[in-house]
Amino acid sequence: MKRNRKSESLRAETRRHFFSQCGTGIGSIALASLLADQRLGAQQPGPMTNPLQPRIAHFPAKAKNVIFLFMAGGPSQLETFDYKPKLNELSGQPIPKSFVEGKRFAFMGSSHRTDLLGFRPKFDQHGDNGTWVSDYLPHTAKIVDDLTIVKTCSTDLFNHAPAKLFMNTGTGLFGRPSLGAWTTYGLGSECDNLPGFVVLQSGPRGPRGGAMHWSSGVLPTSYQGVPLRNQGDPILNLSTPQGISNQQQRELVDTLRELNLKRLVETGDQEITTRINAYEMAYQMQSSAPELMDTSDETAATLELYGIKDPDETSYARNCLLARRLVERGVRFVQLYHTNWDHHGGPTENLETHLPKICEEIDKSTAGLIKDLKQRDLLDETLVVWGGEFGRTPMGEVRQSTGRNHHIDAFTMWFAGGGMKPGVVYGETDEFGFSPIENGCHVRDIHATILHQLGLDHERLSVRFQGLDVRLTGVEKAHVLKDILA
């Protein structure tokens, strides 16, 4: 009878009880490892491993940091970089059926939406190679010799939120890690008092889909993007409350850390590690973040270079300057979102007044960022990416419209620095800018190429989840665009 009671007692002990209560077993070993160079049971916890500490890449990298300038809404390639004189010549005529048969379009419901629509801006050739750029982007035109322009990008999804998610995570489904999260997961960060992945936003609203675009997905949340606000505290509740000294704040963080370490041993929940590091990062950022956001040490010439009129005003221009300041401090991945690039037509979203305005909002600042990185010897080690989630059709949205529909078969992105071949235009589209006829590429290829420049093999960078090896480029074949690499 006693033996049966003992047997029942043993069966009642769960695995969690074993890990947490076994005095000489895994629980104490784990805690001793977390306390690192201090003796187990010491009064103050020792330093624990930072999940964002720099790590060795798969092979020598060309770029150390990434700045992704995300033009949310889908910029029209036909009004910016993909010059198609035939489009103006045949404007108002139906596009040949061979172009559109079997194709899917967002919001397509009327046959008259197949009329070609001519472009509005004037195009000129610029730089040593005579690169075509529209007069909507006069400042960008002056730096084309530093750019690698890819005109034949394609994607799978034609609605904004799923397409943005696809560009950021390699899938239109929620729950997958973003490009920035994969980057910090693979490489860590060289900055110990700011997040490794920072998000900055400008424009009338945030991108459709919100925080999912900078999520860590199935990776630990240490690797997710951290949005910084342009006004007030960079992060809500970052400032130390009045009446609390720095010493008291330090003691609070240390106490929370010790309690969280004990809980980590009891549960084995790795998200507690994220919580511990988040408290420590928040403590470090109480001094580093305000210093980052304070641009009073920048010269008047630098502010003019970016087109910043008011250094305290939230703007894309100020975010470009902050992006440079962030990579200077070792932040691994910086992503700027600027909205709204949607131009279907109508009074507020059209090609005649809205598109020139939004181009003006980003043109000088974008060129200023490239020039500033270059003059500070940061461009070679910083990969700058510019683009949106898809492009625009050569047909008008409706008859006599001044807007264009979503288009996934061909759109333009460009790169600068980070080991890319400057002054190159890669790929060519047909006479209407509808489909690639030379060197087509996919979003997965873009992702593979960015990771490659960071020294990461997209096929090896993966995490096991629900029995599968999850990776940014998925299971379909992706190619590094070697022709655009220096």
Protein backbone atom coordinates (compact mmCIF):
# COMPACT_ATOMS: atom_id res chain seq x y z
CA MET A 1 0.00 0.00 0.00
CA LYS A 2 2.82 2.34 0.90
CA ARG A 3 4.54 1.43 -2.34
CA ASN A 4 1.40 2.40 -4.31
CA ARG A 5 1.18 5.78 -2.56
CA LYS A 6 4.83 6.41 -3.34
CA SER A 7 4.26 5.46 -6.97
CA GLU A 8 1.29 7.83 -7.19
CA SER A 9 3.41 10.61 -5.67
CA LEU A 10 6.13 10.11 -8.24
CA ARG A 11 3.65 10.18 -11.08
CA ALA A 12 2.23 13.45 -9.74
CA GLU A 13 5.62 15.13 -10.19
CA THR A 14 5.58 16.91 -13.52
CA ARG A 15 8.59 17.58 -15.69
CA ARG A 16 8.36 21.27 -14.76
CA HIS A 17 8.54 20.36 -11.07
CA PHE A 18 11.63 18.27 -11.79
CA PHE A 19 13.42 21.09 -13.62
CA SER A 20 12.56 23.68 -10.98
CA GLN A 21 13.04 21.62 -7.81
CA CYS A 22 15.95 19.31 -8.61
CA GLY A 23 18.68 20.89 -6.49
CA THR A 24 21.59 19.38 -8.40
CA GLY A 25 19.93 19.01 -11.80
CA ILE A 26 19.16 21.02 -14.88
CA GLY A 27 17.48 23.91 -13.05
CA SER A 28 20.54 24.81 -10.98
CA ILE A 29 22.84 24.27 -13.96
CA ALA A 30 20.76 26.67 -16.07
CA LEU A 31 20.73 29.31 -13.36
CA ALA A 32 24.48 28.97 -12.84
CA SER A 33 24.98 29.45 -16.58
CA LEU A 34 22.77 32.54 -16.61
CA LEU A 35 24.68 34.02 -13.70
CA ALA A 36 27.83 33.48 -15.78
CA ASP A 37 30.93 34.74 -13.98
CA GLN A 38 29.35 35.09 -10.51
CA ARG A 39 28.91 32.31 -8.00
CA LEU A 40 25.48 30.75 -7.72
CA GLY A 41 23.52 32.51 -5.01
CA ALA A 42 25.59 35.71 -5.08
CA GLN A 43 23.72 38.82 -3.99
CA GLN A 44 23.84 40.54 -7.40
CA PRO A 45 23.06 38.66 -10.64
CA GLY A 46 25.88 38.45 -13.13
CA PRO A 47 25.75 39.52 -16.76
CA MET A 48 23.63 37.30 -18.98
CA THR A 49 24.09 36.73 -22.67
CA ASN A 50 22.59 39.48 -24.83
CA PRO A 51 20.57 37.93 -27.70
CA LEU A 52 21.62 40.89 -29.86
CA GLN A 53 25.35 40.53 -29.32
CA PRO A 54 27.25 40.56 -32.66
CA ARG A 55 27.56 37.17 -34.32
CA ILE A 56 29.76 35.79 -37.08
CA ALA A 57 28.13 35.74 -40.52
CA HIS A 58 28.10 32.72 -42.84
CA PHE A 59 30.73 34.36 -45.06
CA PRO A 60 32.47 37.76 -45.33
CA ALA A 61 29.90 40.53 -45.65
CA LYS A 62 29.86 43.54 -47.96
CA ALA A 63 27.39 45.47 -45.77
CA LYS A 64 27.18 45.90 -41.99
CA ASN A 65 23.86 47.78 -41.80
CA VAL A 66 20.66 48.22 -43.80
CA ILE A 67 18.45 51.27 -44.26
CA PHE A 68 15.19 50.28 -45.99
CA LEU A 69 13.26 53.27 -47.34
CA PHE A 70 9.79 51.76 -47.71
CA MET A 71 7.46 53.80 -49.92
CA ALA A 72 4.15 52.39 -48.64
CA GLY A 73 1.35 52.39 -51.21
CA GLY A 74 3.08 51.32 -54.43
CA PRO A 75 5.00 54.05 -56.31
CA SER A 76 4.36 54.19 -60.02
CA GLN A 77 7.46 53.06 -61.90
CA LEU A 78 6.05 54.70 -65.02
CA GLU A 79 6.21 58.20 -63.51
CA THR A 80 9.62 57.74 -61.85
CA PHE A 81 12.22 55.40 -63.43
CA ASP A 82 10.71 53.26 -66.22
CA TYR A 83 10.60 55.56 -69.26
CA LYS A 84 8.13 54.30 -71.89
CA PRO A 85 7.56 56.79 -74.74
CA LYS A 86 5.28 54.29 -76.51
CA LEU A 87 2.86 54.64 -73.59
CA ASN A 88 2.34 58.32 -74.36
CA GLU A 89 2.15 57.66 -78.09
CA LEU A 90 -0.73 55.19 -77.64
CA SER A 91 -2.39 56.79 -74.62
CA GLY A 92 -6.16 56.29 -74.65
CA GLN A 93 -6.02 53.20 -76.83
CA PRO A 94 -6.80 49.72 -75.49
CA ILE A 95 -3.80 47.69 -74.44
CA PRO A 96 -3.39 44.61 -76.69
CA LYS A 97 -5.31 41.65 -75.27
CA SER A 98 -2.18 39.52 -75.27
CA PHE A 99 -0.86 41.61 -72.37
CA VAL A 100 -3.83 41.16 -70.05
CA GLU A 101 -5.34 37.76 -70.86
CA GLY A 102 -5.26 35.55 -67.79
CA LYS A 103 -3.95 38.35 -65.58
CA ARG A 104 -5.43 39.36 -62.23
CA PHE A 105 -5.80 43.00 -61.15
CA ALA A 106 -6.98 44.68 -57.98
CA PHE A 107 -10.36 46.42 -58.37
CA MET A 108 -10.70 45.34 -62.01
CA GLY A 109 -14.36 45.23 -62.88
CA SER A 110 -14.97 47.13 -66.14
CA SER A 111 -13.68 46.43 -69.61
CA HIS A 112 -12.88 50.10 -70.27
CA ARG A 113 -10.07 49.93 -67.67
CA THR A 114 -7.77 48.47 -70.31
CA ASP A 115 -7.11 51.86 -71.95
CA LEU A 116 -3.46 52.87 -71.84
CA LEU A 117 -2.67 55.97 -69.81
CA GLY A 118 0.24 58.20 -70.77
CA PHE A 119 2.64 59.47 -68.13
CA ARG A 120 2.71 63.11 -66.98
CA PRO A 121 6.30 64.03 -66.06
CA LYS A 122 9.17 64.76 -68.41
CA PHE A 123 12.04 62.26 -68.49
CA ASP A 124 15.73 63.04 -69.03
CA GLN A 125 18.94 61.03 -69.00
CA HIS A 126 21.33 61.53 -66.12
CA GLY A 127 24.71 60.33 -64.91
CA ASP A 128 27.57 58.69 -66.77
CA ASN A 129 25.34 55.95 -68.19
CA GLY A 130 22.42 58.14 -69.25
CA THR A 131 19.92 56.71 -66.76
CA TRP A 132 16.33 57.84 -67.38
CA VAL A 133 14.70 59.60 -64.39
CA SER A 134 11.54 61.74 -64.38
CA ASP A 135 11.54 65.37 -63.37
CA TYR A 136 9.41 64.40 -60.34
CA LEU A 137 12.72 63.31 -58.74
CA PRO A 138 15.31 65.98 -59.65
CA HIS A 139 17.54 65.37 -56.60
CA THR A 140 17.52 61.59 -57.02
CA ALA A 141 18.49 62.16 -60.67
CA LYS A 142 21.74 63.76 -59.48
CA ILE A 143 22.84 60.64 -57.57
CA VAL A 144 22.02 57.95 -60.18
CA ASP A 145 25.70 57.09 -60.47
CA ASP A 146 25.49 55.84 -56.87
CA LEU A 147 22.33 53.80 -57.47
CA THR A 148 21.65 50.26 -58.68
CA ILE A 149 18.19 50.44 -60.27
CA VAL A 150 16.22 47.20 -60.74
CA LYS A 151 13.25 47.71 -63.10
CA THR A 152 11.87 44.16 -63.22
CA CYS A 153 10.80 43.36 -59.65
CA SER A 154 7.69 41.21 -59.24
CA THR A 155 5.60 39.98 -56.34
CA ASP A 156 2.69 37.60 -55.69
CA LEU A 157 0.03 39.71 -53.96
CA PHE A 158 -1.83 42.72 -55.32
CA ASN A 159 -3.61 44.23 -52.28
CA HIS A 160 -1.73 46.64 -50.05
CA ALA A 161 -1.55 44.96 -46.63
CA PRO A 162 -0.74 41.43 -47.91
CA ALA A 163 1.75 42.80 -50.45
CA LYS A 164 3.50 44.92 -47.82
CA LEU A 165 3.65 41.86 -45.59
CA PHE A 166 5.10 39.86 -48.48
CA MET A 167 7.79 42.46 -49.12
CA ASN A 168 8.68 42.53 -45.43
CA THR A 169 8.35 38.87 -44.41
CA GLY A 170 8.38 36.79 -47.60
CA THR A 171 4.75 35.71 -47.15
CA GLY A 172 1.29 37.25 -47.09
CA LEU A 173 0.43 35.36 -43.89
CA PHE A 174 0.70 36.79 -40.39
CA GLY A 175 3.20 35.34 -37.97
CA ARG A 176 6.44 35.19 -39.96
CA PRO A 177 9.63 37.11 -39.08
CA SER A 178 10.36 40.32 -40.95
CA LEU A 179 13.53 41.01 -42.93
CA GLY A 180 14.87 43.19 -40.11
CA ALA A 181 14.15 40.48 -37.53
CA TRP A 182 15.94 37.85 -39.62
CA THR A 183 18.89 40.22 -39.94
CA THR A 184 19.28 40.80 -36.21
CA TYR A 185 18.64 37.11 -35.53
CA GLY A 186 21.49 36.20 -37.87
CA LEU A 187 23.96 38.95 -37.01
CA GLY A 188 22.93 40.61 -33.76
CA SER A 189 23.78 44.30 -33.42
CA GLU A 190 26.89 46.36 -32.80
CA CYS A 191 24.99 48.79 -30.57
CA ASP A 192 24.36 47.83 -26.94
CA ASN A 193 22.28 50.83 -25.86
CA LEU A 194 19.77 51.01 -28.75
CA PRO A 195 17.61 48.30 -30.37
CA GLY A 196 19.18 46.34 -33.21
CA PHE A 197 16.14 46.94 -35.45
CA VAL A 198 14.51 50.38 -35.42
CA VAL A 199 11.38 51.58 -37.27
CA LEU A 200 10.62 55.21 -38.15
CA GLN A 201 7.34 56.39 -39.70
CA SER A 202 6.14 59.49 -41.55
CA GLY A 203 3.21 60.50 -43.69
CA PRO A 204 -0.52 60.80 -42.96
CA ARG A 205 -0.81 57.32 -41.39
CA GLY A 206 1.08 54.13 -40.70
CA PRO A 207 1.35 51.32 -43.27
CA ARG A 208 -1.60 48.98 -43.64
CA GLY A 209 -0.89 45.92 -41.54
CA GLY A 210 0.92 47.89 -38.87
CA ALA A 211 3.36 46.17 -36.53
CA MET A 212 3.21 42.86 -38.41
CA HIS A 213 5.65 44.38 -40.91
CA TRP A 214 8.41 44.59 -38.30
CA SER A 215 7.37 41.57 -36.23
CA SER A 216 9.76 38.85 -35.04
CA GLY A 217 7.13 36.21 -35.90
CA VAL A 218 8.28 32.78 -34.77
CA LEU A 219 11.63 34.18 -33.62
CA PRO A 220 12.10 35.42 -30.04
CA THR A 221 10.66 38.91 -29.63
CA SER A 222 14.13 40.30 -28.90
CA TYR A 223 14.52 40.54 -32.68
CA GLN A 224 11.36 42.51 -33.52
CA GLY A 225 11.54 46.09 -34.74
CA VAL A 226 11.17 48.90 -32.21
CA PRO A 227 9.22 51.95 -33.50
CA LEU A 228 10.61 55.27 -32.29
CA ARG A 229 8.30 58.27 -31.94
CA ASN A 230 9.38 61.64 -33.27
CA GLN A 231 7.77 63.68 -30.51
CA GLY A 232 7.93 63.32 -26.74
CA ASP A 233 9.62 60.22 -25.41
CA PRO A 234 11.02 58.15 -28.31
CA ILE A 235 9.28 55.23 -26.59
CA LEU A 236 6.28 55.73 -24.30
CA ASN A 237 7.10 55.74 -20.56
CA LEU A 238 10.85 55.72 -21.25
CA SER A 239 11.66 58.66 -18.99
CA THR A 240 12.43 58.05 -15.33
CA PRO A 241 9.53 59.24 -13.12
CA GLN A 242 10.12 62.36 -11.05
CA GLY A 243 11.62 61.66 -7.65
CA ILE A 244 13.39 58.48 -8.76
CA SER A 245 17.18 58.63 -8.81
CA ASN A 246 19.37 56.83 -11.32
CA GLN A 247 20.63 54.55 -8.51
CA GLN A 248 17.07 53.59 -7.56
CA GLN A 249 16.26 52.89 -11.20
CA ARG A 250 19.35 50.67 -11.49
CA GLU A 251 18.40 48.77 -8.34
CA LEU A 252 14.85 48.26 -9.64
CA VAL A 253 16.09 46.83 -12.95
CA ASP A 254 18.55 44.54 -11.13
CA THR A 255 15.83 43.28 -8.78
CA LEU A 256 13.43 42.60 -11.65
CA ARG A 257 16.22 40.81 -13.45
CA GLU A 258 16.91 38.52 -10.51
CA LEU A 259 13.22 37.68 -10.09
CA ASN A 260 12.84 37.03 -13.82
CA LEU A 261 15.89 34.75 -13.80
CA LYS A 262 14.31 32.62 -11.09
CA ARG A 263 11.08 32.47 -13.05
CA LEU A 264 13.02 31.52 -16.19
CA VAL A 265 14.51 28.52 -14.39
CA GLU A 266 11.08 27.50 -13.07
CA THR A 267 9.29 27.66 -16.42
CA GLY A 268 11.90 27.43 -19.15
CA ASP A 269 10.00 30.15 -21.04
CA GLN A 270 12.56 31.86 -23.29
CA GLU A 271 10.35 34.92 -23.64
CA ILE A 272 11.40 35.75 -20.08
CA THR A 273 14.91 36.21 -21.49
CA THR A 274 13.43 38.78 -23.86
CA ARG A 275 11.75 40.51 -20.92
CA ILE A 276 15.02 40.66 -18.98
CA ASN A 277 16.87 42.17 -21.91
CA ALA A 278 14.00 44.57 -22.62
CA TYR A 279 14.25 46.03 -19.11
CA GLU A 280 18.01 46.41 -19.49
CA MET A 281 17.68 47.96 -22.94
CA ALA A 282 15.04 50.39 -21.67
CA TYR A 283 17.39 51.43 -18.86
CA GLN A 284 20.23 52.03 -21.34
CA MET A 285 17.91 53.91 -23.72
CA GLN A 286 16.92 56.41 -21.03
CA SER A 287 20.14 58.20 -21.92
CA SER A 288 20.91 56.95 -25.45
CA ALA A 289 17.49 57.57 -27.07
CA PRO A 290 17.12 61.26 -26.12
CA GLU A 291 20.70 61.83 -27.28
CA LEU A 292 19.89 60.14 -30.59
CA MET A 293 16.76 62.22 -31.18
CA ASP A 294 18.44 65.51 -30.27
CA THR A 295 19.77 66.79 -33.59
CA SER A 296 21.01 70.12 -32.22
CA ASP A 297 24.59 69.00 -32.82
CA GLU A 298 23.98 68.77 -36.57
CA THR A 299 25.25 71.65 -38.70
CA ALA A 300 23.03 73.97 -40.69
CA ALA A 301 24.63 72.55 -43.85
CA THR A 302 23.59 69.01 -42.88
CA LEU A 303 20.00 70.08 -42.18
CA GLU A 304 19.90 71.81 -45.56
CA LEU A 305 21.31 68.71 -47.25
CA TYR A 306 18.32 66.71 -46.01
CA GLY A 307 15.85 69.52 -46.59
CA ILE A 308 14.98 69.79 -42.90
CA LYS A 309 13.26 73.08 -42.17
CA ASP A 310 12.30 72.41 -38.56
CA PRO A 311 14.60 69.91 -36.73
CA ASP A 312 11.83 69.16 -34.21
CA GLU A 313 9.11 68.49 -36.76
CA THR A 314 8.12 64.92 -37.61
CA SER A 315 8.99 64.36 -41.26
CA TYR A 316 10.52 61.92 -43.68
CA ALA A 317 13.50 64.26 -43.95
CA ARG A 318 14.18 64.11 -40.21
CA ASN A 319 13.78 60.33 -40.26
CA CYS A 320 16.43 60.08 -42.98
CA LEU A 321 18.80 62.04 -40.75
CA LEU A 322 17.93 59.80 -37.79
CA ALA A 323 18.61 56.75 -39.95
CA ARG A 324 22.15 57.98 -40.55
CA ARG A 325 22.60 58.68 -36.84
CA LEU A 326 21.35 55.18 -36.01
CA VAL A 327 23.75 53.33 -38.32
CA GLU A 328 26.56 55.55 -37.03
CA ARG A 329 25.81 54.11 -33.59
CA GLY A 330 25.87 50.52 -34.83
CA VAL A 331 22.14 49.79 -35.20
CA ARG A 332 21.89 46.89 -37.64
CA PHE A 333 18.59 47.50 -39.46
CA VAL A 334 16.67 50.77 -39.85
CA GLN A 335 13.36 50.87 -41.71
CA LEU A 336 11.57 54.06 -42.73
CA TYR A 337 7.91 53.92 -43.78
CA HIS A 338 6.50 56.85 -45.71
CA THR A 339 2.85 56.98 -46.78
CA ASN A 340 0.75 57.44 -48.86
CA TRP A 341 1.92 56.41 -52.34
CA ASP A 342 -1.50 55.13 -53.43
CA HIS A 343 -2.67 56.85 -56.62
CA HIS A 344 -5.79 55.30 -58.11
CA GLY A 345 -7.17 58.63 -59.28
CA GLY A 346 -9.70 61.04 -57.88
CA PRO A 347 -9.16 64.36 -56.11
CA THR A 348 -6.69 63.18 -53.42
CA GLU A 349 -4.87 60.22 -55.01
CA ASN A 350 -3.90 61.03 -58.57
CA LEU A 351 -0.89 61.26 -60.85
CA GLU A 352 -1.18 64.98 -61.58
CA THR A 353 -1.14 66.59 -58.12
CA HIS A 354 -0.73 63.88 -55.46
CA LEU A 355 2.20 61.96 -56.96
CA PRO A 356 4.39 65.04 -57.64
CA LYS A 357 3.73 66.19 -54.06
CA ILE A 358 4.78 62.93 -52.41
CA CYS A 359 7.82 62.66 -54.68
CA GLU A 360 8.82 66.14 -53.50
CA GLU A 361 8.41 65.01 -49.88
CA ILE A 362 11.04 62.29 -50.23
CA ASP A 363 13.30 63.35 -53.10
CA LYS A 364 15.76 65.78 -51.52
CA SER A 365 15.97 63.86 -48.24
CA THR A 366 16.65 60.54 -49.94
CA ALA A 367 19.41 62.03 -52.07
CA GLY A 368 20.73 63.86 -49.01
CA LEU A 369 20.94 60.58 -47.08
CA ILE A 370 23.02 58.94 -49.82
CA LYS A 371 25.31 61.97 -50.07
CA ASP A 372 25.71 62.19 -46.29
CA LEU A 373 26.52 58.49 -45.91
CA LYS A 374 29.02 58.77 -48.74
CA GLN A 375 30.84 61.82 -47.36
CA ARG A 376 31.09 60.14 -43.94
CA ASP A 377 32.51 56.91 -45.45
CA LEU A 378 29.42 55.00 -44.32
CA LEU A 379 27.87 54.18 -47.70
CA ASP A 380 30.25 51.32 -48.50
CA GLU A 381 29.16 49.45 -45.36
CA THR A 382 25.49 50.53 -45.40
CA LEU A 383 23.03 49.00 -47.85
CA VAL A 384 20.23 51.44 -48.69
CA VAL A 385 17.07 49.97 -50.24
CA TRP A 386 14.25 52.04 -51.82
CA GLY A 387 10.89 50.73 -52.99
CA GLY A 388 7.28 49.84 -52.21
CA GLU A 389 5.13 46.72 -52.19
CA PHE A 390 4.29 46.70 -55.93
CA GLY A 391 4.03 48.96 -58.97
CA ARG A 392 1.30 50.44 -61.18
CA THR A 393 -0.42 49.40 -64.39
CA PRO A 394 0.17 51.16 -67.70
CA MET A 395 -3.65 51.31 -68.01
CA GLY A 396 -5.76 53.98 -66.31
CA GLU A 397 -7.92 53.07 -63.33
CA VAL A 398 -11.10 54.22 -65.12
CA ARG A 399 -11.77 55.94 -68.44
CA GLN A 400 -9.92 59.28 -68.61
CA SER A 401 -8.61 58.66 -65.09
CA THR A 402 -5.45 60.18 -63.70
CA GLY A 403 -4.74 57.13 -61.57
CA ARG A 404 -3.25 53.67 -62.00
CA ASN A 405 -4.18 50.25 -60.65
CA HIS A 406 -1.97 47.92 -58.56
CA HIS A 407 0.52 45.95 -60.63
CA ILE A 408 2.60 42.97 -59.45
CA ASP A 409 4.42 41.89 -62.62
CA ALA A 410 6.97 44.70 -62.97
CA PHE A 411 8.00 47.52 -60.67
CA THR A 412 11.16 49.40 -59.78
CA MET A 413 13.36 49.29 -56.69
CA TRP A 414 16.84 50.67 -56.22
CA PHE A 415 19.85 50.04 -53.99
CA ALA A 416 22.89 52.03 -52.98
CA GLY A 417 26.12 51.17 -51.17
CA GLY A 418 26.65 47.91 -49.32
CA GLY A 419 28.63 46.25 -52.10
CA MET A 420 26.12 46.89 -54.90
CA LYS A 421 27.33 47.83 -58.37
CA PRO A 422 26.70 51.60 -58.74
CA GLY A 423 25.40 53.32 -61.86
CA VAL A 424 23.69 50.18 -63.14
CA VAL A 425 20.17 49.64 -64.47
CA TYR A 426 19.20 45.98 -64.23
CA GLY A 427 16.42 44.42 -66.27
CA GLU A 428 14.11 45.76 -68.95
CA THR A 429 10.35 45.77 -69.41
CA ASP A 430 8.21 45.74 -72.54
CA GLU A 431 7.17 48.86 -74.45
CA PHE A 432 4.37 49.60 -71.94
CA GLY A 433 6.25 48.70 -68.75
CA PHE A 434 3.85 45.82 -68.20
CA SER A 435 6.12 42.75 -67.97
CA PRO A 436 9.84 41.97 -67.82
CA ILE A 437 11.50 41.04 -71.11
CA GLU A 438 15.02 40.80 -69.65
CA ASN A 439 16.36 39.84 -66.21
CA GLY A 440 13.10 39.46 -64.34
CA CYS A 441 13.40 39.05 -60.58
CA HIS A 442 11.13 38.31 -57.64
CA VAL A 443 10.81 39.67 -54.10
CA ARG A 444 12.46 36.43 -52.90
CA ASP A 445 15.48 37.27 -55.04
CA ILE A 446 15.59 40.74 -53.49
CA HIS A 447 15.54 39.19 -50.01
CA ALA A 448 18.22 36.64 -50.89
CA THR A 449 20.43 39.41 -52.28
CA ILE A 450 20.06 41.67 -49.23
CA LEU A 451 20.93 38.79 -46.89
CA HIS A 452 23.87 37.85 -49.13
CA GLN A 453 25.34 41.34 -48.86
CA LEU A 454 25.13 40.98 -45.07
CA GLY A 455 27.08 37.73 -45.23
CA LEU A 456 24.02 35.51 -44.69
CA ASP A 457 23.03 32.51 -46.81
CA HIS A 458 19.25 32.69 -47.18
CA GLU A 459 19.03 28.88 -47.36
CA ARG A 460 20.96 28.41 -44.11
CA LEU A 461 19.29 31.20 -42.14
CA SER A 462 16.31 29.33 -40.70
CA VAL A 463 14.50 28.41 -37.50
CA ARG A 464 12.67 25.20 -36.65
CA PHE A 465 8.96 25.80 -36.11
CA GLN A 466 6.17 23.21 -35.97
CA GLY A 467 8.39 20.63 -37.61
CA LEU A 468 9.47 22.88 -40.48
CA ASP A 469 12.60 24.89 -41.18
CA VAL A 470 11.15 28.39 -41.62
CA ARG A 471 13.19 30.90 -43.62
CA LEU A 472 12.66 34.32 -45.17
CA THR A 473 12.73 33.11 -48.78
CA GLY A 474 10.44 30.12 -48.15
CA VAL A 475 10.70 26.82 -50.00
CA GLU A 476 10.57 28.18 -53.55
CA LYS A 477 13.86 28.83 -55.30
CA ALA A 478 15.38 32.25 -54.74
CA HIS A 479 18.45 33.62 -56.51
CA VAL A 480 21.06 36.14 -55.43
CA LEU A 481 21.17 38.85 -58.12
CA LYS A 482 24.91 38.51 -58.72
CA ASP A 483 24.89 40.77 -61.80
CA ILE A 484 24.22 43.81 -59.62
CA LEU A 485 26.94 43.05 -57.05
CA ALA A 486 30.22 44.95 -57.18
